[in-house]
C-alpha atoms as a PDB file:
ATOM      1  CA  GLU A   1       2.259  -7.215 -14.745  1.00  0.00           C
ATOM      2  CA  PHE A   2       0.612 -10.299 -14.293  1.00  0.00           C
ATOM      3  CA  ILE A   3      -2.146  -8.214 -13.302  1.00  0.00           C
ATOM      4  CA  ALA A   4      -2.834  -6.723 -16.414  1.00  0.00           C
ATOM      5  CA  ARG A   5      -2.334  -9.693 -18.145  1.00  0.00           C
ATOM      6  CA  ASP A   6      -3.683 -12.481 -16.699  1.00  0.00           C
ATOM      7  CA  TYR A   7      -6.513 -10.833 -15.069  1.00  0.00           C
ATOM      8  CA  GLY A   8      -7.030  -7.521 -17.892  1.00  0.00           C
ATOM      9  CA  ILE A   9      -7.447  -5.256 -14.889  1.00  0.00           C
ATOM     10  CA  PRO A  10      -5.904  -1.039 -16.029  1.00  0.00           C
ATOM     11  CA  CYS A  11      -2.393  -0.502 -13.607  1.00  0.00           C
ATOM     12  CA  VAL A  12      -0.524   2.086 -13.427  1.00  0.00           C
ATOM     13  CA  VAL A  13       2.061   2.977 -10.805  1.00  0.00           C
ATOM     14  CA  SER A  14       1.369   6.550  -9.557  1.00  0.00           C
ATOM     15  CA  GLY A  15       2.701   9.434  -6.649  1.00  0.00           C
ATOM     16  CA  PHE A  16       0.995  10.003  -3.622  1.00  0.00           C
ATOM     17  CA  GLU A  17       0.808  14.232  -4.635  1.00  0.00           C
ATOM     18  CA  PRO A  18      -2.854  14.930  -5.778  1.00  0.00           C
ATOM     19  CA  LEU A  19      -1.905  16.247  -9.338  1.00  0.00           C
ATOM     20  CA  ASP A  20      -0.165  11.972  -9.426  1.00  0.00           C
ATOM     21  CA  ILE A  21      -2.550  10.217  -8.614  1.00  0.00           C
ATOM     22  CA  LEU A  22      -5.310  12.268 -11.023  1.00  0.00           C
ATOM     23  CA  GLN A  23      -3.184  10.971 -13.536  1.00  0.00           C
ATOM     24  CA  CYS A  24      -2.757   7.862 -12.758  1.00  0.00           C
ATOM     25  CA  VAL A  25      -6.482   8.687 -12.579  1.00  0.00           C
ATOM     26  CA  ASP A  26      -6.050  10.199 -15.929  1.00  0.00           C
ATOM     27  CA  MET A  27      -4.309   7.469 -17.420  1.00  0.00           C
ATOM     28  CA  LEU A  28      -6.143   3.929 -16.201  1.00  0.00           C
ATOM     29  CA  VAL A  29      -9.547   5.367 -17.540  1.00  0.00           C
ATOM     30  CA  ALA A  30      -7.625   5.709 -20.672  1.00  0.00           C
ATOM     31  CA  GLN A  31      -6.866   1.875 -20.341  1.00  0.00           C
ATOM     32  CA  VAL A  32     -10.418   1.354 -19.949  1.00  0.00           C
ATOM     33  CA  GLU A  33     -12.256   2.899 -22.570  1.00  0.00           C
ATOM     34  CA  ASN A  34      -9.844   2.128 -25.238  1.00  0.00           C
ATOM     35  CA  GLY A  35     -10.228  -1.758 -23.105  1.00  0.00           C
ATOM     36  CA  GLU A  36      -6.827  -1.965 -22.770  1.00  0.00           C
ATOM     37  CA  SER A  37      -5.005  -3.981 -20.027  1.00  0.00           C
ATOM     38  CA  LYS A  38      -1.468  -2.586 -19.447  1.00  0.00           C
ATOM     39  CA  VAL A  39       0.821  -1.797 -17.502  1.00  0.00           C
ATOM     40  CA  GLU A  40       1.476   2.148 -17.112  1.00  0.00           C
ATOM     41  CA  ILE A  41       4.501   4.946 -15.554  1.00  0.00           C
ATOM     42  CA  ALA A  42       2.216   7.970 -13.884  1.00  0.00           C
ATOM     43  CA  TYR A  43       5.218   8.391 -12.211  1.00  0.00           C
ATOM     44  CA  ARG A  44       8.456   8.741 -13.784  1.00  0.00           C
ATOM     45  CA  ARG A  45      10.391  10.919 -11.750  1.00  0.00           C
ATOM     46  CA  GLY A  46      10.715   8.175  -9.096  1.00  0.00           C
ATOM     47  CA  VAL A  47      10.114   4.781 -10.779  1.00  0.00           C
ATOM     48  CA  HIS A  48      11.487   3.446 -14.153  1.00  0.00           C
ATOM     49  CA  PRO A  49      10.578   0.132 -16.056  1.00  0.00           C
ATOM     50  CA  GLU A  50      13.609  -1.445 -15.628  1.00  0.00           C
ATOM     51  CA  GLY A  51      13.414  -0.542 -11.625  1.00  0.00           C
ATOM     52  CA  ASN A  52      16.639   0.328  -9.904  1.00  0.00           C
ATOM     53  CA  ARG A  53      19.060  -2.599 -10.841  1.00  0.00           C
ATOM     54  CA  GLU A  54      21.678  -1.897  -8.250  1.00  0.00           C
ATOM     55  CA  ALA A  55      18.660  -1.666  -5.935  1.00  0.00           C
ATOM     56  CA  LEU A  56      17.554  -4.853  -6.774  1.00  0.00           C
ATOM     57  CA  LYS A  57      20.425  -6.393  -6.739  1.00  0.00           C
ATOM     58  CA  LEU A  58      21.303  -5.794  -3.793  1.00  0.00           C
ATOM     59  CA  ILE A  59      17.727  -5.895  -2.501  1.00  0.00           C
ATOM     60  CA  GLU A  60      18.364 -10.473  -3.469  1.00  0.00           C
ATOM     61  CA  GLN A  61      21.268 -10.111  -2.176  1.00  0.00           C
ATOM     62  CA  VAL A  62      20.637  -9.646   1.274  1.00  0.00           C
ATOM     63  CA  PHE A  63      16.999 -10.508   1.781  1.00  0.00           C
ATOM     64  CA  GLU A  64      15.066 -13.894   0.446  1.00  0.00           C
ATOM     65  CA  PRO A  65      10.496 -14.141   0.438  1.00  0.00           C
ATOM     66  CA  CYS A  66       8.873 -15.377   3.114  1.00  0.00           C
ATOM     67  CA  PRO A  67       5.538 -15.533   4.392  1.00  0.00           C
ATOM     68  CA  THR A  68       4.306 -11.961   5.640  1.00  0.00           C
ATOM     69  CA  GLU A  69       0.484 -10.824   6.944  1.00  0.00           C
ATOM     70  CA  TRP A  70      -1.043  -7.959   4.451  1.00  0.00           C
ATOM     71  CA  ARG A  71      -3.785  -6.080   6.650  1.00  0.00           C
ATOM     72  CA  GLY A  72      -6.655  -7.068   5.182  1.00  0.00           C
ATOM     73  CA  ILE A  73      -6.303  -9.756   4.026  1.00  0.00           C
ATOM     74  CA  GLY A  74      -3.744 -11.971   6.034  1.00  0.00           C
ATOM     75  CA  GLU A  75      -1.250 -14.255   5.372  1.00  0.00           C
ATOM     76  CA  VAL A  76       0.600 -13.941   2.228  1.00  0.00           C
ATOM     77  CA  PRO A  77       3.268 -17.358   1.148  1.00  0.00           C
ATOM     78  CA  ASP A  78       6.450 -15.307  -0.737  1.00  0.00           C
ATOM     79  CA  SER A  79       5.061 -11.737  -0.276  1.00  0.00           C
ATOM     80  CA  GLY A  80       8.064 -10.659   2.341  1.00  0.00           C
ATOM     81  CA  LEU A  81      11.606 -10.080   3.516  1.00  0.00           C
ATOM     82  CA  LYS A  82      14.245 -11.553   5.661  1.00  0.00           C
ATOM     83  CA  LEU A  83      17.744 -10.783   6.387  1.00  0.00           C
ATOM     84  CA  ARG A  84      19.088 -14.388   5.081  1.00  0.00           C
ATOM     85  CA  LYS A  85      21.094 -16.645   7.412  1.00  0.00           C
ATOM     86  CA  GLU A  86      24.258 -14.663   6.396  1.00  0.00           C
ATOM     87  CA  TYR A  87      22.890 -11.448   7.660  1.00  0.00           C
ATOM     88  CA  GLN A  88      21.197 -12.020  10.344  1.00  0.00           C
ATOM     89  CA  HIS A  89      23.196 -10.722  12.799  1.00  0.00           C
ATOM     90  CA  PHE A  90      21.510  -7.075  11.465  1.00  0.00           C
ATOM     91  CA  ASP A  91      17.915  -8.320  12.113  1.00  0.00           C
ATOM     92  CA  ALA A  92      17.007  -6.483  15.337  1.00  0.00           C
ATOM     93  CA  GLU A  93      13.780  -9.146  15.965  1.00  0.00           C
ATOM     94  CA  LEU A  94      16.757 -11.952  17.251  1.00  0.00           C
ATOM     95  CA  ALA A  95      18.722  -9.123  18.290  1.00  0.00           C
ATOM     96  CA  PHE A  96      16.703  -8.232  21.269  1.00  0.00           C
ATOM     97  CA  ASN A  97      14.003 -11.039  20.944  1.00  0.00           C
ATOM     98  CA  ILE A  98      11.475  -8.725  19.552  1.00  0.00           C
ATOM     99  CA  ASP A  99       7.913 -10.685  19.254  1.00  0.00           C
ATOM    100  CA  PRO A 100       6.874  -7.910  16.470  1.00  0.00           C
ATOM    101  CA  GLY A 101       2.828 -10.228  16.664  1.00  0.00           C
ATOM    102  CA  SER A 102       0.151  -9.643  14.549  1.00  0.00           C
ATOM    103  CA  THR A 103      -1.769  -6.503  13.257  1.00  0.00           C
ATOM    104  CA  TYR A 104      -3.643  -4.909  15.089  1.00  0.00           C
ATOM    105  CA  GLU A 105      -7.029  -3.405  14.437  1.00  0.00           C
ATOM    106  CA  PRO A 106      -7.931  -0.590  17.259  1.00  0.00           C
ATOM    107  CA  GLY A 107     -12.479  -1.043  18.073  1.00  0.00           C
ATOM    108  CA  GLY A 108     -14.363   0.334  14.517  1.00  0.00           C
ATOM    109  CA  CYS A 109     -11.179   1.214  12.452  1.00  0.00           C
ATOM    110  CA  ILE A 110     -11.944  -0.771   8.857  1.00  0.00           C
ATOM    111  CA  CYS A 111      -9.280   0.031   7.235  1.00  0.00           C
ATOM    112  CA  GLY A 112      -8.396  -3.394   6.318  1.00  0.00           C
ATOM    113  CA  ASP A 113     -12.420  -3.195   4.828  1.00  0.00           C
ATOM    114  CA  ILE A 114     -11.397   0.115   2.863  1.00  0.00           C
ATOM    115  CA  LEU A 115      -7.869  -1.707   2.073  1.00  0.00           C
ATOM    116  CA  ARG A 116      -9.150  -4.037   0.107  1.00  0.00           C
ATOM    117  CA  GLY A 117     -11.126  -1.689  -0.902  1.00  0.00           C
ATOM    118  CA  VAL A 118     -14.823  -3.063   0.158  1.00  0.00           C
ATOM    119  CA  LYS A 119     -15.343   0.168   2.418  1.00  0.00           C
ATOM    120  CA  THR A 120     -14.508   3.642   2.042  1.00  0.00           C
ATOM    121  CA  PRO A 121     -12.767   6.010   4.338  1.00  0.00           C
ATOM    122  CA  ALA A 122     -17.118   7.605   4.647  1.00  0.00           C
ATOM    123  CA  ASP A 123     -18.206   4.264   5.939  1.00  0.00           C
ATOM    124  CA  CYS A 124     -16.178   4.035   9.552  1.00  0.00           C
ATOM    125  CA  LYS A 125     -18.244   5.127  12.048  1.00  0.00           C
ATOM    126  CA  LEU A 126     -14.969   6.726  13.914  1.00  0.00           C
ATOM    127  CA  PHE A 127     -13.727   8.518  10.107  1.00  0.00           C
ATOM    128  CA  GLY A 128     -13.452  12.237  11.002  1.00  0.00           C
ATOM    129  CA  LYS A 129     -14.635  12.162  13.741  1.00  0.00           C
ATOM    130  CA  ALA A 130     -13.164  10.571  16.699  1.00  0.00           C
ATOM    131  CA  CYS A 131     -10.448   9.637  13.657  1.00  0.00           C
ATOM    132  CA  THR A 132      -8.283  12.861  12.120  1.00  0.00           C
ATOM    133  CA  PRO A 133      -5.029  12.981  11.172  1.00  0.00           C
ATOM    134  CA  GLU A 134      -4.114  14.816  14.323  1.00  0.00           C
ATOM    135  CA  TYR A 135      -5.810  11.858  16.397  1.00  0.00           C
ATOM    136  CA  PRO A 136      -5.251   8.845  14.674  1.00  0.00           C
ATOM    137  CA  VAL A 137      -7.164   5.591  15.507  1.00  0.00           C
ATOM    138  CA  GLY A 138      -6.299   3.593  12.933  1.00  0.00           C
ATOM    139  CA  PRO A 139      -3.587   3.095  10.608  1.00  0.00           C
ATOM    140  CA  CYS A 140      -5.456   4.163   7.786  1.00  0.00           C
ATOM    141  CA  MET A 141      -5.274   7.745   8.754  1.00  0.00           C
ATOM    142  CA  VAL A 142      -1.644   7.562  10.619  1.00  0.00           C
ATOM    143  CA  SER A 143       0.235   9.109   7.848  1.00  0.00           C
ATOM    144  CA  SER A 144      -0.515  12.144   4.640  1.00  0.00           C
ATOM    145  CA  GLU A 145      -0.429   8.807   2.875  1.00  0.00           C
ATOM    146  CA  GLY A 146      -2.250   6.505   4.212  1.00  0.00           C
ATOM    147  CA  SER A 147      -6.019   6.049   2.801  1.00  0.00           C
ATOM    148  CA  CYS A 148      -7.566   7.372   4.887  1.00  0.00           C
ATOM    149  CA  SER A 149      -5.494  10.855   5.492  1.00  0.00           C
ATOM    150  CA  ALA A 150      -5.879  11.447   1.849  1.00  0.00           C
ATOM    151  CA  TYR A 151      -9.157  10.847   1.914  1.00  0.00           C
ATOM    152  CA  TYR A 152      -9.623  13.537   4.424  1.00  0.00           C
ATOM    153  CA  LEU A 153      -7.771  15.583   3.055  1.00  0.00           C
ATOM    154  CA  TYR A 154      -8.466  15.766  -0.472  1.00  0.00           C
ATOM    155  CA  GLY A 155     -11.847  15.440  -0.405  1.00  0.00           C
ATOM    156  CA  GLY A 156     -14.791  12.904   0.024  1.00  0.00           C
ATOM    157  CA  ASP A 157     -17.884  12.827   0.984  1.00  0.00           C
ATOM    158  CA  PHE A 158     -18.380  12.132   4.730  1.00  0.00           C
ATOM    159  CA  GLU A 159     -20.091  14.723   7.944  1.00  0.00           C
ATOM    160  CA  GLY A 160     -16.511  15.779  10.306  1.00  0.00           C
END
């Protein structure tokens, strides 16, 4: 809500299906046309204004905020969650001495720029050629919900 309130940017929570996204865009356009900036939910079958209270209570009980690295942005303080001390015996990173390292972007991949909205998938030299949903190179193409995969599957001008 702070994004709509403090920055005047319309916000709509959307699902991942094409019709969900279309409804979300329609709601965003309506906010812009009406000079509004508020938070709305287009994905009511999966998201409710109060959230899932039981799940939120459990998350707060088991996890605590920690700094987290975000693809294309870098580290953001208190934007991630880690297990609280009393649950650390369930932490695979500690149990198996795993260092997840930092996010990795293959050469030529511009996923970080795409996620920040500075570039589109069509701006990537790999998109639709070396990088497709069948043979993904970068993380934005790996899942069907990834930004590049959705652009590839559901539209966007590019030469593949």
